[in-house]
């Protein structure tokens, strides 16, 4: 069985933990819990006829007080860069983090997740900014940890990218 480490990276309160909970346990909670350090979960997928054991590292969110420990990223096969669409500054933080991650572990597959799509009336990210993500050649998927929209697709797509490298 293949084993692949995937890290959840992004600013604080973007929904990293909620996305993992939705994906692994099919649950969502409105309560906000701060991740302290790193939380590790795993899930086995059947992709292209082979079992792949995903080890999901949910890293605490980066803000002005805490910086993501780049050592947590070592050995990652890929990562998920989570943006909260209701907070524009999380997109800027995602661009910054993407550079840091690439400097730390090199070019590995990643996906930009535009989370909280169920709250489009509060959305702060403009269409032209979404287009800029696509122009970089990055895969971006709109998700809602609350409704489950796009969550399965994110992990399937990233796992396929990792396996087809």
Protein backbone atom coordinates (compact mmCIF):
# COMPACT_ATOMS: atom_id res chain seq x y z
CA UNK A 1 0.00 0.00 0.00
CA UNK A 2 1.25 3.45 -0.90
CA UNK A 3 1.45 6.04 1.86
CA UNK A 4 1.35 9.77 1.07
CA UNK A 5 1.70 12.69 3.46
CA UNK A 6 -0.46 15.73 2.69
CA UNK A 7 -0.32 18.97 4.70
CA UNK A 8 -3.15 21.43 5.21
CA UNK A 9 -1.66 24.94 5.04
CA UNK A 10 -3.25 28.38 5.35
CA UNK A 11 -4.00 31.35 7.59
CA UNK A 12 -5.80 30.79 10.88
CA UNK A 13 -9.55 30.06 10.77
CA UNK A 14 -9.72 29.29 7.04
CA UNK A 15 -11.40 25.93 7.65
CA UNK A 16 -8.46 23.51 7.42
CA UNK A 17 -9.63 21.39 10.37
CA UNK A 18 -13.26 21.53 9.20
CA UNK A 19 -12.26 20.32 5.73
CA UNK A 20 -10.36 17.37 7.22
CA UNK A 21 -13.27 16.54 9.56
CA UNK A 22 -15.73 16.66 6.66
CA UNK A 23 -13.49 14.47 4.52
CA UNK A 24 -12.50 11.87 7.13
CA UNK A 25 -15.59 11.72 9.36
CA UNK A 26 -18.32 13.37 7.21
CA UNK A 27 -19.02 15.85 10.01
CA UNK A 28 -19.05 19.63 10.40
CA UNK A 29 -19.19 21.73 13.54
CA UNK A 30 -19.90 25.47 13.75
CA UNK A 31 -17.63 25.66 16.77
CA UNK A 32 -14.17 27.04 16.15
CA UNK A 33 -11.32 25.02 17.61
CA UNK A 34 -7.79 26.33 17.26
CA UNK A 35 -5.36 23.66 16.14
CA UNK A 36 -2.39 23.55 18.48
CA UNK A 37 0.71 22.37 16.63
CA UNK A 38 -0.42 19.67 14.24
CA UNK A 39 -3.29 17.17 14.15
CA UNK A 40 -2.75 14.00 12.12
CA UNK A 41 -5.52 11.91 10.54
CA UNK A 42 -5.49 9.21 7.90
CA UNK A 43 -7.79 7.85 5.25
CA UNK A 44 -7.36 5.08 2.72
CA UNK A 45 -8.44 5.71 -0.87
CA UNK A 46 -8.73 3.40 -3.84
CA UNK A 47 -7.30 5.33 -6.76
CA UNK A 48 -6.50 3.85 -10.14
CA UNK A 49 -6.99 0.37 -8.66
CA UNK A 50 -4.50 0.78 -5.85
CA UNK A 51 -4.92 1.56 -2.17
CA UNK A 52 -3.37 4.83 -1.09
CA UNK A 53 -3.07 5.66 2.59
CA UNK A 54 -3.31 9.45 3.00
CA UNK A 55 -1.67 10.83 6.13
CA UNK A 56 -3.25 14.28 6.60
CA UNK A 57 -1.27 16.79 8.63
CA UNK A 58 -3.56 19.62 9.73
CA UNK A 59 -1.08 22.39 10.61
CA UNK A 60 -2.08 25.25 12.88
CA UNK A 61 -2.94 28.39 10.97
CA UNK A 62 -0.37 31.06 10.39
CA UNK A 63 -1.11 34.55 11.68
CA UNK A 64 0.97 37.47 12.86
CA UNK A 65 1.87 35.66 16.10
CA UNK A 66 2.66 32.18 14.81
CA UNK A 67 4.63 31.02 11.82
CA UNK A 68 4.09 27.56 10.36
CA UNK A 69 6.99 25.33 11.27
CA UNK A 70 8.43 24.37 7.92
CA UNK A 71 9.83 21.19 9.52
CA UNK A 72 6.23 19.88 9.64
CA UNK A 73 6.23 19.89 5.84
CA UNK A 74 9.21 17.54 5.43
CA UNK A 75 8.30 14.37 3.57
CA UNK A 76 5.08 15.81 2.14
CA UNK A 77 3.93 14.43 -1.18
CA UNK A 78 1.60 17.41 -1.61
CA UNK A 79 -0.32 20.07 0.23
CA UNK A 80 -3.62 21.88 0.30
CA UNK A 81 -3.47 25.67 0.48
CA UNK A 82 -6.70 26.82 2.16
CA UNK A 83 -8.19 30.28 1.59
CA UNK A 84 -11.26 31.67 3.36
CA UNK A 85 -13.26 33.45 0.66
CA UNK A 86 -14.91 35.69 3.25
CA UNK A 87 -11.52 37.13 4.31
CA UNK A 88 -9.45 38.64 1.50
CA UNK A 89 -6.24 38.71 3.54
CA UNK A 90 -6.20 34.89 3.59
CA UNK A 91 -5.58 34.90 -0.18
CA UNK A 92 -2.53 37.14 0.28
CA UNK A 93 -1.34 34.85 3.09
CA UNK A 94 -1.83 31.81 0.81
CA UNK A 95 0.42 33.32 -1.88
CA UNK A 96 3.06 34.05 0.78
CA UNK A 97 2.78 30.54 2.26
CA UNK A 98 3.01 28.90 -1.16
CA UNK A 99 6.38 30.58 -1.69
CA UNK A 100 7.60 29.52 1.76
CA UNK A 101 6.47 25.92 1.28
CA UNK A 102 8.14 25.69 -2.13
CA UNK A 103 11.38 27.11 -0.69
CA UNK A 104 11.20 24.55 2.10
CA UNK A 105 10.27 21.31 0.29
CA UNK A 106 10.52 22.16 -3.41
CA UNK A 107 7.85 21.81 -6.05
CA UNK A 108 5.29 19.22 -5.05
CA UNK A 109 1.64 19.02 -6.15
CA UNK A 110 -0.79 21.31 -4.34
CA UNK A 111 -4.32 22.59 -4.66
CA UNK A 112 -5.73 25.96 -3.69
CA UNK A 113 -9.00 25.52 -1.82
CA UNK A 114 -11.41 28.45 -1.84
CA UNK A 115 -13.36 27.53 1.26
CA UNK A 116 -16.65 28.77 2.72
CA UNK A 117 -18.35 28.81 -0.69
CA UNK A 118 -21.67 28.41 1.15
CA UNK A 119 -21.24 32.03 2.31
CA UNK A 120 -20.99 33.71 -1.11
CA UNK A 121 -22.98 36.72 0.12
CA UNK A 122 -19.98 37.51 2.37
CA UNK A 123 -17.36 36.70 -0.28
CA UNK A 124 -14.45 39.19 -0.48
CA UNK A 125 -12.39 37.62 -3.28
CA UNK A 126 -13.08 38.99 -6.75
CA UNK A 127 -13.42 36.98 -9.96
CA UNK A 128 -10.27 38.52 -11.46
CA UNK A 129 -8.31 37.30 -8.43
CA UNK A 130 -9.63 33.79 -9.00
CA UNK A 131 -8.56 34.11 -12.64
CA UNK A 132 -5.05 35.07 -11.47
CA UNK A 133 -4.81 31.74 -9.61
CA UNK A 134 -5.72 29.88 -12.81
CA UNK A 135 -3.22 31.94 -14.83
CA UNK A 136 -0.46 30.72 -12.50
CA UNK A 137 -1.41 27.20 -13.60
CA UNK A 138 -2.62 26.31 -10.13
CA UNK A 139 -5.62 24.05 -9.55
CA UNK A 140 -8.27 25.84 -7.49
CA UNK A 141 -11.41 24.20 -6.14
CA UNK A 142 -14.34 25.93 -4.44
CA UNK A 143 -15.37 24.12 -1.28
CA UNK A 144 -17.66 24.29 1.69
CA UNK A 145 -16.72 22.21 4.72
CA UNK A 146 -20.22 22.95 5.99
CA UNK A 147 -22.14 21.49 3.02
CA UNK A 148 -19.39 19.16 1.78
CA UNK A 149 -19.24 20.80 -1.65
CA UNK A 150 -15.96 20.05 -3.41
CA UNK A 151 -14.29 18.42 -0.38
CA UNK A 152 -14.00 14.89 -1.81
CA UNK A 153 -12.88 16.37 -5.15
CA UNK A 154 -9.96 18.21 -3.50
CA UNK A 155 -8.42 15.09 -1.97
CA UNK A 156 -9.12 12.90 -5.03
CA UNK A 157 -7.61 15.50 -7.39
CA UNK A 158 -4.51 16.04 -5.27
CA UNK A 159 -3.94 12.31 -4.82
CA UNK A 160 -4.21 11.80 -8.59
CA UNK A 161 -1.69 14.61 -9.16
CA UNK A 162 0.70 13.00 -6.69
CA UNK A 163 0.38 9.54 -8.27
CA UNK A 164 0.79 10.87 -11.82
CA UNK A 165 3.95 12.84 -11.04
